Amino acid sequence: MSFKFENLIIWQKSMDLGEHMNLLTKKFPKEEIYNLSSQLRRASDSVALNISEGSILQSNAEYRKFLGYSIRSLAEVVICLHKAIRRNYLSKQDFQIHYKNGFDLMNMTIAYRNKIK
């Protein structure tokens, strides 16, 4: 027994994204706890939340809308990563890894969204 969204690779990867961003923000300065850290955690969690919420009892048009919210949350994650590297909270290597993961997930989500008519 499982929910429909649990079998989606984009949902599984978005769950991983949220956990990685949570671990990453634990290394940020304490002064960012209510600012960048919080924003990054909320945006990354929002990706999986919107995928799952849109998949339950929604029309295809509504599902596409929720997937759009998920894609926009991914963009927010990327902007937060840019802010973090500019503030020297993460290494260039860590930035590149998380950036690529976000980019790949965005493309997968867009491709999945385009298949829903």
PDB file of N, CA and C in Angstrom:
ATOM      1  N   MET A   1       0.846  -1.174   0.000  1.00  0.00           N
ATOM      2  CA  MET A   1       0.000   0.000   0.000  1.00  0.00           C
ATOM      3  C   MET A   1       0.893   1.239   0.000  1.00  0.00           C
ATOM      4  N   SER A   2       0.591   2.169  -0.897  1.00  0.00           N
ATOM      5  CA  SER A   2       1.354   3.417  -0.943  1.00  0.00           C
ATOM      6  C   SER A   2       0.522   4.496  -1.626  1.00  0.00           C
ATOM      7  N   PHE A   3       0.904   5.718  -1.369  1.00  0.00           N
ATOM      8  CA  PHE A   3       0.298   6.843  -2.074  1.00  0.00           C
ATOM      9  C   PHE A   3       0.932   6.934  -3.452  1.00  0.00           C
ATOM     10  N   LYS A   4       0.183   7.461  -4.398  1.00  0.00           N
ATOM     11  CA  LYS A   4       0.631   7.581  -5.785  1.00  0.00           C
ATOM     12  C   LYS A   4       1.974   8.312  -5.888  1.00  0.00           C
ATOM     13  N   PHE A   5       2.119   9.383  -5.149  1.00  0.00           N
ATOM     14  CA  PHE A   5       3.325  10.205  -5.266  1.00  0.00           C
ATOM     15  C   PHE A   5       4.580   9.507  -4.760  1.00  0.00           C
ATOM     16  N   GLU A   6       4.434   8.536  -3.866  1.00  0.00           N
ATOM     17  CA  GLU A   6       5.606   7.873  -3.285  1.00  0.00           C
ATOM     18  C   GLU A   6       6.411   7.091  -4.322  1.00  0.00           C
ATOM     19  N   ASN A   7       5.790   6.735  -5.415  1.00  0.00           N
ATOM     20  CA  ASN A   7       6.480   5.998  -6.475  1.00  0.00           C
ATOM     21  C   ASN A   7       7.153   6.912  -7.486  1.00  0.00           C
ATOM     22  N   LEU A   8       6.923   8.202  -7.385  1.00  0.00           N
ATOM     23  CA  LEU A   8       7.512   9.154  -8.327  1.00  0.00           C
ATOM     24  C   LEU A   8       8.970   9.445  -7.963  1.00  0.00           C
ATOM     25  N   ILE A   9       9.843   9.328  -8.942  1.00  0.00           N
ATOM     26  CA  ILE A   9      11.256   9.633  -8.708  1.00  0.00           C
ATOM     27  C   ILE A   9      11.431  11.095  -8.317  1.00  0.00           C
ATOM     28  N   ILE A  10      10.635  11.988  -8.920  1.00  0.00           N
ATOM     29  CA  ILE A  10      10.767  13.409  -8.571  1.00  0.00           C
ATOM     30  C   ILE A  10      10.402  13.653  -7.111  1.00  0.00           C
ATOM     31  N   TRP A  11       9.436  12.903  -6.597  1.00  0.00           N
ATOM     32  CA  TRP A  11       9.081  13.063  -5.181  1.00  0.00           C
ATOM     33  C   TRP A  11      10.206  12.521  -4.299  1.00  0.00           C
ATOM     34  N   GLN A  12      10.733  11.353  -4.661  1.00  0.00           N
ATOM     35  CA  GLN A  12      11.818  10.748  -3.878  1.00  0.00           C
ATOM     36  C   GLN A  12      13.041  11.666  -3.845  1.00  0.00           C
ATOM     37  N   LYS A  13      13.386  12.221  -5.003  1.00  0.00           N
ATOM     38  CA  LYS A  13      14.537  13.128  -5.066  1.00  0.00           C
ATOM     39  C   LYS A  13      14.258  14.441  -4.328  1.00  0.00           C
ATOM     40  N   SER A  14      13.019  14.892  -4.356  1.00  0.00           N
ATOM     41  CA  SER A  14      12.685  16.124  -3.640  1.00  0.00           C
ATOM     42  C   SER A  14      12.735  15.900  -2.126  1.00  0.00           C
ATOM     43  N   MET A  15      12.398  14.700  -1.690  1.00  0.00           N
ATOM     44  CA  MET A  15      12.538  14.375  -0.259  1.00  0.00           C
ATOM     45  C   MET A  15      14.013  14.404   0.132  1.00  0.00           C
ATOM     46  N   ASP A  16      14.874  13.850  -0.724  1.00  0.00           N
ATOM     47  CA  ASP A  16      16.319  13.890  -0.470  1.00  0.00           C
ATOM     48  C   ASP A  16      16.820  15.335  -0.433  1.00  0.00           C
ATOM     49  N   LEU A  17      16.327  16.150  -1.364  1.00  0.00           N
ATOM     50  CA  LEU A  17      16.717  17.557  -1.406  1.00  0.00           C
ATOM     51  C   LEU A  17      16.422  18.244  -0.071  1.00  0.00           C
ATOM     52  N   GLY A  18      15.230  18.022   0.447  1.00  0.00           N
ATOM     53  CA  GLY A  18      14.862  18.632   1.721  1.00  0.00           C
ATOM     54  C   GLY A  18      15.785  18.220   2.854  1.00  0.00           C
ATOM     55  N   GLU A  19      16.140  16.946   2.879  1.00  0.00           N
ATOM     56  CA  GLU A  19      17.037  16.464   3.945  1.00  0.00           C
ATOM     57  C   GLU A  19      18.447  17.025   3.772  1.00  0.00           C
ATOM     58  N   HIS A  20      18.918  17.099   2.527  1.00  0.00           N
ATOM     59  CA  HIS A  20      20.248  17.668   2.292  1.00  0.00           C
ATOM     60  C   HIS A  20      20.301  19.148   2.675  1.00  0.00           C
ATOM     61  N   MET A  21      19.256  19.903   2.351  1.00  0.00           N
ATOM     62  CA  MET A  21      19.236  21.326   2.695  1.00  0.00           C
ATOM     63  C   MET A  21      19.129  21.521   4.208  1.00  0.00           C
ATOM     64  N   ASN A  22      18.408  20.640   4.869  1.00  0.00           N
ATOM     65  CA  ASN A  22      18.320  20.715   6.334  1.00  0.00           C
ATOM     66  C   ASN A  22      19.698  20.514   6.957  1.00  0.00           C
ATOM     67  N   LEU A  23      20.438  19.515   6.478  1.00  0.00           N
ATOM     68  CA  LEU A  23      21.795  19.283   6.991  1.00  0.00           C
ATOM     69  C   LEU A  23      22.720  20.441   6.651  1.00  0.00           C
ATOM     70  N   LEU A  24      22.603  20.946   5.448  1.00  0.00           N
ATOM     71  CA  LEU A  24      23.445  22.057   5.013  1.00  0.00           C
ATOM     72  C   LEU A  24      23.248  23.288   5.893  1.00  0.00           C
ATOM     73  N   THR A  25      22.001  23.623   6.196  1.00  0.00           N
ATOM     74  CA  THR A  25      21.728  24.840   6.967  1.00  0.00           C
ATOM     75  C   THR A  25      22.182  24.731   8.418  1.00  0.00           C
ATOM     76  N   LYS A  26      22.398  23.529   8.895  1.00  0.00           N
ATOM     77  CA  LYS A  26      22.915  23.371  10.265  1.00  0.00           C
ATOM     78  C   LYS A  26      24.330  23.916  10.393  1.00  0.00           C
ATOM     79  N   LYS A  27      25.002  24.078   9.261  1.00  0.00           N
ATOM     80  CA  LYS A  27      26.368  24.631   9.245  1.00  0.00           C
ATOM     81  C   LYS A  27      26.381  26.153   9.109  1.00  0.00           C
ATOM     82  N   PHE A  28      25.228  26.738   8.817  1.00  0.00           N
ATOM     83  CA  PHE A  28      25.140  28.192   8.661  1.00  0.00           C
ATOM     84  C   PHE A  28      25.274  28.863  10.026  1.00  0.00           C
ATOM     85  N   PRO A  29      25.682  30.132  10.043  1.00  0.00           N
ATOM     86  CA  PRO A  29      25.780  30.863  11.320  1.00  0.00           C
ATOM     87  C   PRO A  29      24.420  30.948  12.013  1.00  0.00           C
ATOM     88  N   LYS A  30      24.454  31.002  13.321  1.00  0.00           N
ATOM     89  CA  LYS A  30      23.221  31.068  14.119  1.00  0.00           C
ATOM     90  C   LYS A  30      22.380  32.296  13.769  1.00  0.00           C
ATOM     91  N   GLU A  31      23.016  33.375  13.339  1.00  0.00           N
ATOM     92  CA  GLU A  31      22.257  34.586  13.007  1.00  0.00           C
ATOM     93  C   GLU A  31      21.350  34.382  11.788  1.00  0.00           C
ATOM     94  N   GLU A  32      21.561  33.307  11.040  1.00  0.00           N
ATOM     95  CA  GLU A  32      20.734  33.024   9.867  1.00  0.00           C
ATOM     96  C   GLU A  32      19.562  32.086  10.177  1.00  0.00           C
ATOM     97  N   ILE A  33      19.419  31.672  11.414  1.00  0.00           N
ATOM     98  CA  ILE A  33      18.403  30.666  11.749  1.00  0.00           C
ATOM     99  C   ILE A  33      16.984  31.084  11.342  1.00  0.00           C
ATOM    100  N   TYR A  34      16.666  32.359  11.462  1.00  0.00           N
ATOM    101  CA  TYR A  34      15.321  32.830  11.103  1.00  0.00           C
ATOM    102  C   TYR A  34      15.281  33.491   9.737  1.00  0.00           C
ATOM    103  N   ASN A  35      16.411  33.506   9.048  1.00  0.00           N
ATOM    104  CA  ASN A  35      16.482  34.144   7.735  1.00  0.00           C
ATOM    105  C   ASN A  35      16.788  33.100   6.664  1.00  0.00           C
ATOM    106  N   LEU A  36      18.012  33.078   6.196  1.00  0.00           N
ATOM    107  CA  LEU A  36      18.371  32.221   5.075  1.00  0.00           C
ATOM    108  C   LEU A  36      18.201  30.733   5.391  1.00  0.00           C
ATOM    109  N   SER A  37      18.581  30.309   6.574  1.00  0.00           N
ATOM    110  CA  SER A  37      18.428  28.892   6.941  1.00  0.00           C
ATOM    111  C   SER A  37      16.972  28.462   6.877  1.00  0.00           C
ATOM    112  N   SER A  38      16.126  29.247   7.486  1.00  0.00           N
ATOM    113  CA  SER A  38      14.699  28.937   7.497  1.00  0.00           C
ATOM    114  C   SER A  38      14.120  28.953   6.093  1.00  0.00           C
ATOM    115  N   GLN A  39      14.473  29.956   5.313  1.00  0.00           N
ATOM    116  CA  GLN A  39      13.958  30.089   3.948  1.00  0.00           C
ATOM    117  C   GLN A  39      14.381  28.903   3.088  1.00  0.00           C
ATOM    118  N   LEU A  40      15.622  28.491   3.213  1.00  0.00           N
ATOM    119  CA  LEU A  40      16.134  27.375   2.425  1.00  0.00           C
ATOM    120  C   LEU A  40      15.459  26.063   2.815  1.00  0.00           C
ATOM    121  N   ARG A  41      15.265  25.858   4.097  1.00  0.00           N
ATOM    122  CA  ARG A  41      14.584  24.634   4.553  1.00  0.00           C
ATOM    123  C   ARG A  41      13.134  24.617   4.092  1.00  0.00           C
ATOM    124  N   ARG A  42      12.439  25.741   4.233  1.00  0.00           N
ATOM    125  CA  ARG A  42      11.026  25.795   3.834  1.00  0.00           C
ATOM    126  C   ARG A  42      10.863  25.621   2.327  1.00  0.00           C
ATOM    127  N   ALA A  43      11.722  26.266   1.541  1.00  0.00           N
ATOM    128  CA  ALA A  43      11.625  26.151   0.084  1.00  0.00           C
ATOM    129  C   ALA A  43      11.908  24.726  -0.369  1.00  0.00           C
ATOM    130  N   SER A  44      12.930  24.108   0.204  1.00  0.00           N
ATOM    131  CA  SER A  44      13.273  22.743  -0.220  1.00  0.00           C
ATOM    132  C   SER A  44      12.195  21.746   0.209  1.00  0.00           C
ATOM    133  N   ASP A  45      11.614  21.928   1.375  1.00  0.00           N
ATOM    134  CA  ASP A  45      10.515  21.047   1.803  1.00  0.00           C
ATOM    135  C   ASP A  45       9.280  21.259   0.943  1.00  0.00           C
ATOM    136  N   SER A  46       9.078  22.462   0.488  1.00  0.00           N
ATOM    137  CA  SER A  46       7.916  22.798  -0.329  1.00  0.00           C
ATOM    138  C   SER A  46       7.904  22.047  -1.656  1.00  0.00           C
ATOM    139  N   VAL A  47       9.069  21.682  -2.157  1.00  0.00           N
ATOM    140  CA  VAL A  47       9.142  20.957  -3.431  1.00  0.00           C
ATOM    141  C   VAL A  47       8.384  19.641  -3.307  1.00  0.00           C
ATOM    142  N   ALA A  48       8.718  18.834  -2.323  1.00  0.00           N
ATOM    143  CA  ALA A  48       8.045  17.537  -2.122  1.00  0.00           C
ATOM    144  C   ALA A  48       6.594  17.722  -1.697  1.00  0.00           C
ATOM    145  N   LEU A  49       6.335  18.706  -0.867  1.00  0.00           N
ATOM    146  CA  LEU A  49       4.969  18.938  -0.402  1.00  0.00           C
ATOM    147  C   LEU A  49       4.026  19.251  -1.559  1.00  0.00           C
ATOM    148  N   ASN A  50       4.458  20.068  -2.497  1.00  0.00           N
ATOM    149  CA  ASN A  50       3.601  20.408  -3.632  1.00  0.00           C
ATOM    150  C   ASN A  50       3.418  19.246  -4.601  1.00  0.00           C
ATOM    151  N   ILE A  51       4.453  18.435  -4.785  1.00  0.00           N
ATOM    152  CA  ILE A  51       4.304  17.251  -5.637  1.00  0.00           C
ATOM    153  C   ILE A  51       3.253  16.323  -5.050  1.00  0.00           C
ATOM    154  N   SER A  52       3.343  16.086  -3.757  1.00  0.00           N
ATOM    155  CA  SER A  52       2.400  15.162  -3.123  1.00  0.00           C
ATOM    156  C   SER A  52       0.997  15.751  -3.053  1.00  0.00           C
ATOM    157  N   GLU A  53       0.880  17.004  -2.676  1.00  0.00           N
ATOM    158  CA  GLU A  53      -0.443  17.620  -2.547  1.00  0.00           C
ATOM    159  C   GLU A  53      -1.167  17.662  -3.886  1.00  0.00           C
ATOM    160  N   GLY A  54      -0.452  17.958  -4.941  1.00  0.00           N
ATOM    161  CA  GLY A  54      -1.072  18.042  -6.258  1.00  0.00           C
ATOM    162  C   GLY A  54      -1.505  16.704  -6.813  1.00  0.00           C
ATOM    163  N   SER A  55      -0.905  15.626  -6.319  1.00  0.00           N
ATOM    164  CA  SER A  55      -1.201  14.303  -6.881  1.00  0.00           C
ATOM    165  C   SER A  55      -2.461  13.666  -6.295  1.00  0.00           C
ATOM    166  N   ILE A  56      -2.980  14.222  -5.225  1.00  0.00           N
ATOM    167  CA  ILE A  56      -4.120  13.613  -4.534  1.00  0.00           C
ATOM    168  C   ILE A  56      -5.408  14.352  -4.873  1.00  0.00           C
ATOM    169  N   LEU A  57      -6.342  13.644  -5.483  1.00  0.00           N
ATOM    170  CA  LEU A  57      -7.693  14.138  -5.761  1.00  0.00           C
ATOM    171  C   LEU A  57      -7.723  15.479  -6.502  1.00  0.00           C
ATOM    172  N   GLN A  58      -6.833  15.640  -7.451  1.00  0.00           N
ATOM    173  CA  GLN A  58      -6.780  16.876  -8.226  1.00  0.00           C
ATOM    174  C   GLN A  58      -7.018  16.548  -9.698  1.00  0.00           C
ATOM    175  N   SER A  59      -7.540  17.497 -10.425  1.00  0.00           N
ATOM    176  CA  SER A  59      -7.620  17.361 -11.876  1.00  0.00           C
ATOM    177  C   SER A  59      -6.204  17.480 -12.435  1.00  0.00           C
ATOM    178  N   ASN A  60      -6.028  17.093 -13.685  1.00  0.00           N
ATOM    179  CA  ASN A  60      -4.706  17.228 -14.306  1.00  0.00           C
ATOM    180  C   ASN A  60      -4.253  18.680 -14.347  1.00  0.00           C
ATOM    181  N   ALA A  61      -5.193  19.590 -14.590  1.00  0.00           N
ATOM    182  CA  ALA A  61      -4.842  21.012 -14.611  1.00  0.00           C
ATOM    183  C   ALA A  61      -4.345  21.477 -13.239  1.00  0.00           C
ATOM    184  N   GLU A  62      -5.014  21.035 -12.188  1.00  0.00           N
ATOM    185  CA  GLU A  62      -4.594  21.400 -10.834  1.00  0.00           C
ATOM    186  C   GLU A  62      -3.247  20.754 -10.497  1.00  0.00           C
ATOM    187  N   TYR A  63      -3.078  19.500 -10.905  1.00  0.00           N
ATOM    188  CA  TYR A  63      -1.824  18.797 -10.654  1.00  0.00           C
ATOM    189  C   TYR A  63      -0.668  19.550 -11.319  1.00  0.00           C
ATOM    190  N   ARG A  64      -0.879  19.983 -12.569  1.00  0.00           N
ATOM    191  CA  ARG A  64       0.138  20.758 -13.278  1.00  0.00           C
ATOM    192  C   ARG A  64       0.458  22.057 -12.522  1.00  0.00           C
ATOM    193  N   LYS A  65      -0.567  22.662 -11.951  1.00  0.00           N
ATOM    194  CA  LYS A  65      -0.366  23.901 -11.189  1.00  0.00           C
ATOM    195  C   LYS A  65       0.520  23.639  -9.962  1.00  0.00           C
ATOM    196  N   PHE A  66       0.244  22.552  -9.251  1.00  0.00           N
ATOM    197  CA  PHE A  66       1.051  22.223  -8.069  1.00  0.00           C
ATOM    198  C   PHE A  66       2.491  21.867  -8.460  1.00  0.00           C
ATOM    199  N   LEU A  67       2.653  21.191  -9.588  1.00  0.00           N
ATOM    200  CA  LEU A  67       4.007  20.902 -10.065  1.00  0.00           C
ATOM    201  C   LEU A  67       4.729  22.208 -10.409  1.00  0.00           C
ATOM    202  N   GLY A  68       3.990  23.185 -10.914  1.00  0.00           N
ATOM    203  CA  GLY A  68       4.564  24.512 -11.156  1.00  0.00           C
ATOM    204  C   GLY A  68       5.033  25.164  -9.865  1.00  0.00           C
ATOM    205  N   TYR A  69       4.249  25.019  -8.801  1.00  0.00           N
ATOM    206  CA  TYR A  69       4.666  25.551  -7.496  1.00  0.00           C
ATOM    207  C   TYR A  69       5.964  24.871  -7.054  1.00  0.00           C
ATOM    208  N   SER A  70       6.032  23.571  -7.290  1.00  0.00           N
ATOM    209  CA  SER A  70       7.225  22.816  -6.920  1.00  0.00           C
ATOM    210  C   SER A  70       8.453  23.318  -7.680  1.00  0.00           C
ATOM    211  N   ILE A  71       8.284  23.573  -8.963  1.00  0.00           N
ATOM    212  CA  ILE A  71       9.381  24.086  -9.792  1.00  0.00           C
ATOM    213  C   ILE A  71       9.823  25.465  -9.296  1.00  0.00           C
ATOM    214  N   ARG A  72       8.865  26.299  -8.935  1.00  0.00           N
ATOM    215  CA  ARG A  72       9.214  27.632  -8.419  1.00  0.00           C
ATOM    216  C   ARG A  72       9.931  27.527  -7.067  1.00  0.00           C
ATOM    217  N   SER A  73       9.540  26.560  -6.254  1.00  0.00           N
ATOM    218  CA  SER A  73      10.246  26.355  -4.985  1.00  0.00           C
ATOM    219  C   SER A  73      11.684  25.917  -5.233  1.00  0.00           C
ATOM    220  N   LEU A  74      11.896  25.109  -6.267  1.00  0.00           N
ATOM    221  CA  LEU A  74      13.267  24.722  -6.630  1.00  0.00           C
ATOM    222  C   LEU A  74      14.089  25.946  -7.019  1.00  0.00           C
ATOM    223  N   ALA A  75      13.489  26.865  -7.760  1.00  0.00           N
ATOM    224  CA  ALA A  75      14.189  28.104  -8.119  1.00  0.00           C
ATOM    225  C   ALA A  75      14.553  28.880  -6.859  1.00  0.00           C
ATOM    226  N   GLU A  76      13.664  28.887  -5.898  1.00  0.00           N
ATOM    227  CA  GLU A  76      13.936  29.569  -4.625  1.00  0.00           C
ATOM    228  C   GLU A  76      15.111  28.913  -3.897  1.00  0.00           C
ATOM    229  N   VAL A  77      15.176  27.594  -3.929  1.00  0.00           N
ATOM    230  CA  VAL A  77      16.300  26.875  -3.324  1.00  0.00           C
ATOM    231  C   VAL A  77      17.607  27.312  -3.977  1.00  0.00           C
ATOM    232  N   VAL A  78      17.615  27.395  -5.300  1.00  0.00           N
ATOM    233  CA  VAL A  78      18.824  27.788  -6.019  1.00  0.00           C
ATOM    234  C   VAL A  78      19.253  29.206  -5.641  1.00  0.00           C
ATOM    235  N   ILE A  79      18.302  30.113  -5.525  1.00  0.00           N
ATOM    236  CA  ILE A  79      18.639  31.487  -5.120  1.00  0.00           C
ATOM    237  C   ILE A  79      19.227  31.494  -3.709  1.00  0.00           C
ATOM    238  N   CYS A  80      18.664  30.703  -2.826  1.00  0.00           N
ATOM    239  CA  CYS A  80      19.205  30.611  -1.463  1.00  0.00           C
ATOM    240  C   CYS A  80      20.627  30.049  -1.476  1.00  0.00           C
ATOM    241  N   LEU A  81      20.885  29.086  -2.347  1.00  0.00           N
ATOM    242  CA  LEU A  81      22.245  28.553  -2.478  1.00  0.00           C
ATOM    243  C   LEU A  81      23.204  29.636  -2.967  1.00  0.00           C
ATOM    244  N   HIS A  82      22.756  30.451  -3.918  1.00  0.00           N
ATOM    245  CA  HIS A  82      23.584  31.570  -4.385  1.00  0.00           C
ATOM    246  C   HIS A  82      23.872  32.539  -3.237  1.00  0.00           C
ATOM    247  N   LYS A  83      22.851  32.832  -2.437  1.00  0.00           N
ATOM    248  CA  LYS A  83      23.054  33.718  -1.279  1.00  0.00           C
ATOM    249  C   LYS A  83      24.065  33.106  -0.321  1.00  0.00           C
ATOM    250  N   ALA A  84      23.938  31.796  -0.088  1.00  0.00           N
ATOM    251  CA  ALA A  84      24.819  31.111   0.868  1.00  0.00           C
ATOM    252  C   ALA A  84      26.275  31.132   0.404  1.00  0.00           C
ATOM    253  N   ILE A  85      26.507  30.922  -0.873  1.00  0.00           N
ATOM    254  CA  ILE A  85      27.904  30.939  -1.340  1.00  0.00           C
ATOM    255  C   ILE A  85      28.457  32.358  -1.308  1.00  0.00           C
ATOM    256  N   ARG A  86      27.632  33.348  -1.610  1.00  0.00           N
ATOM    257  CA  ARG A  86      28.089  34.746  -1.544  1.00  0.00           C
ATOM    258  C   ARG A  86      28.443  35.150  -0.116  1.00  0.00           C
ATOM    259  N   ARG A  87      27.783  34.525   0.844  1.00  0.00           N
ATOM    260  CA  ARG A  87      28.053  34.826   2.255  1.00  0.00           C
ATOM    261  C   ARG A  87      29.088  33.881   2.855  1.00  0.00           C
ATOM    262  N   ASN A  88      29.687  33.061   2.012  1.00  0.00           N
ATOM    263  CA  ASN A  88      30.738  32.114   2.432  1.00  0.00           C
ATOM    264  C   ASN A  88      30.250  31.088   3.458  1.00  0.00           C
ATOM    265  N   TYR A  89      29.012  30.624   3.293  1.00  0.00           N
ATOM    266  CA  TYR A  89      28.460  29.609   4.183  1.00  0.00           C
ATOM    267  C   TYR A  89      28.655  28.200   3.645  1.00  0.00           C
ATOM    268  N   LEU A  90      29.032  28.082   2.373  1.00  0.00           N
ATOM    269  CA  LEU A  90      29.308  26.777   1.802  1.00  0.00           C
ATOM    270  C   LEU A  90      30.400  26.898   0.758  1.00  0.00           C
ATOM    271  N   SER A  91      31.055  25.776   0.505  1.00  0.00           N
ATOM    272  CA  SER A  91      32.158  25.759  -0.447  1.00  0.00           C
ATOM    273  C   SER A  91      31.628  25.780  -1.883  1.00  0.00           C
ATOM    274  N   LYS A  92      32.499  26.135  -2.795  1.00  0.00           N
ATOM    275  CA  LYS A  92      32.138  26.137  -4.210  1.00  0.00           C
ATOM    276  C   LYS A  92      31.752  24.724  -4.651  1.00  0.00           C
ATOM    277  N   GLN A  93      32.467  23.732  -4.142  1.00  0.00           N
ATOM    278  CA  GLN A  93      32.183  22.334  -4.494  1.00  0.00           C
ATOM    279  C   GLN A  93      30.789  21.929  -3.999  1.00  0.00           C
ATOM    280  N   ASP A  94      30.459  22.254  -2.756  1.00  0.00           N
ATOM    281  CA  ASP A  94      29.124  21.947  -2.229  1.00  0.00           C
ATOM    282  C   ASP A  94      28.045  22.678  -3.019  1.00  0.00           C
ATOM    283  N   PHE A  95      28.313  23.934  -3.353  1.00  0.00           N
ATOM    284  CA  PHE A  95      27.362  24.699  -4.156  1.00  0.00           C
ATOM    285  C   PHE A  95      27.099  23.989  -5.478  1.00  0.00           C
ATOM    286  N   GLN A  96      28.167  23.594  -6.169  1.00  0.00           N
ATOM    287  CA  GLN A  96      28.022  22.961  -7.478  1.00  0.00           C
ATOM    288  C   GLN A  96      27.244  21.649  -7.392  1.00  0.00           C
ATOM    289  N   ILE A  97      27.471  20.870  -6.366  1.00  0.00           N
ATOM    290  CA  ILE A  97      26.750  19.599  -6.185  1.00  0.00           C
ATOM    291  C   ILE A  97      25.261  19.869  -5.993  1.00  0.00           C
ATOM    292  N   HIS A  98      24.931  20.773  -5.072  1.00  0.00           N
ATOM    293  CA  HIS A  98      23.522  21.057  -4.782  1.00  0.00           C
ATOM    294  C   HIS A  98      22.845  21.775  -5.946  1.00  0.00           C
ATOM    295  N   TYR A  99      23.589  22.631  -6.620  1.00  0.00           N
ATOM    296  CA  TYR A  99      23.059  23.333  -7.784  1.00  0.00           C
ATOM    297  C   TYR A  99      22.694  22.328  -8.883  1.00  0.00           C
ATOM    298  N   LYS A 100      23.597  21.396  -9.174  1.00  0.00           N
ATOM    299  CA  LYS A 100      23.345  20.397 -10.206  1.00  0.00           C
ATOM    300  C   LYS A 100      22.159  19.514  -9.825  1.00  0.00           C
ATOM    301  N   ASN A 101      22.082  19.108  -8.573  1.00  0.00           N
ATOM    302  CA  ASN A 101      20.943  18.293  -8.132  1.00  0.00           C
ATOM    303  C   ASN A 101      19.632  19.047  -8.304  1.00  0.00           C
ATOM    304  N   GLY A 102      19.630  20.318  -7.954  1.00  0.00           N
ATOM    305  CA  GLY A 102      18.430  21.138  -8.128  1.00  0.00           C
ATOM    306  C   GLY A 102      18.077  21.318  -9.595  1.00  0.00           C
ATOM    307  N   PHE A 103      19.082  21.543 -10.418  1.00  0.00           N
ATOM    308  CA  PHE A 103      18.862  21.723 -11.854  1.00  0.00           C
ATOM    309  C   PHE A 103      18.288  20.447 -12.477  1.00  0.00           C
ATOM    310  N   ASP A 104      18.879  19.308 -12.116  1.00  0.00           N
ATOM    311  CA  ASP A 104      18.397  18.025 -12.640  1.00  0.00           C
ATOM    312  C   ASP A 104      16.966  17.750 -12.196  1.00  0.00           C
ATOM    313  N   LEU A 105      16.676  18.008 -10.926  1.00  0.00           N
ATOM    314  CA  LEU A 105      15.323  17.788 -10.413  1.00  0.00           C
ATOM    315  C   LEU A 105      14.324  18.717 -11.093  1.00  0.00           C
ATOM    316  N   MET A 106      14.721  19.949 -11.338  1.00  0.00           N
ATOM    317  CA  MET A 106      13.836  20.887 -12.026  1.00  0.00           C
ATOM    318  C   MET A 106      13.498  20.367 -13.425  1.00  0.00           C
ATOM    319  N   ASN A 107      14.510  19.923 -14.159  1.00  0.00           N
ATOM    320  CA  ASN A 107      14.276  19.412 -15.510  1.00  0.00           C
ATOM    321  C   ASN A 107      13.403  18.159 -15.505  1.00  0.00           C
ATOM    322  N   MET A 108      13.609  17.297 -14.537  1.00  0.00           N
ATOM    323  CA  MET A 108      12.775  16.097 -14.420  1.00  0.00           C
ATOM    324  C   MET A 108      11.327  16.472 -14.114  1.00  0.00           C
ATOM    325  N   THR A 109      11.151  17.433 -13.243  1.00  0.00           N
ATOM    326  CA  THR A 109       9.801  17.858 -12.861  1.00  0.00           C
ATOM    327  C   THR A 109       9.098  18.542 -14.027  1.00  0.00           C
ATOM    328  N   ILE A 110       9.822  19.361 -14.765  1.00  0.00           N
ATOM    329  CA  ILE A 110       9.238  20.003 -15.948  1.00  0.00           C
ATOM    330  C   ILE A 110       8.837  18.942 -16.980  1.00  0.00           C
ATOM    331  N   ALA A 111       9.694  17.959 -17.213  1.00  0.00           N
ATOM    332  CA  ALA A 111       9.379  16.905 -18.173  1.00  0.00           C
ATOM    333  C   ALA A 111       8.151  16.119 -17.727  1.00  0.00           C
ATOM    334  N   TYR A 112       8.070  15.809 -16.438  1.00  0.00           N
ATOM    335  CA  TYR A 112       6.907  15.089 -15.904  1.00  0.00           C
ATOM    336  C   TYR A 112       5.651  15.942 -16.054  1.00  0.00           C
ATOM    337  N   ARG A 113       5.762  17.207 -15.734  1.00  0.00           N
ATOM    338  CA  ARG A 113       4.617  18.125 -15.839  1.00  0.00           C
ATOM    339  C   ARG A 113       4.124  18.229 -17.286  1.00  0.00           C
ATOM    340  N   ASN A 114       5.049  18.238 -18.231  1.00  0.00           N
ATOM    341  CA  ASN A 114       4.681  18.341 -19.642  1.00  0.00           C
ATOM    342  C   ASN A 114       3.965  17.099 -20.155  1.00  0.00           C
ATOM    343  N   LYS A 115       4.140  15.971 -19.482  1.00  0.00           N
ATOM    344  CA  LYS A 115       3.461  14.732 -19.897  1.00  0.00           C
ATOM    345  C   LYS A 115       2.005  14.699 -19.421  1.00  0.00           C
ATOM    346  N   ILE A 116       1.677  15.527 -18.453  1.00  0.00           N
ATOM    347  CA  ILE A 116       0.315  15.554 -17.907  1.00  0.00           C
ATOM    348  C   ILE A 116      -0.517  16.506 -18.746  1.00  0.00           C
ATOM    349  N   LYS A 117      -1.551  16.012 -19.339  1.00  0.00           N
ATOM    350  CA  LYS A 117      -2.405  16.849 -20.212  1.00  0.00           C
ATOM    351  C   LYS A 117      -3.716  17.168 -19.533  1.00  0.00           C
TER     352      LYS A 117
END
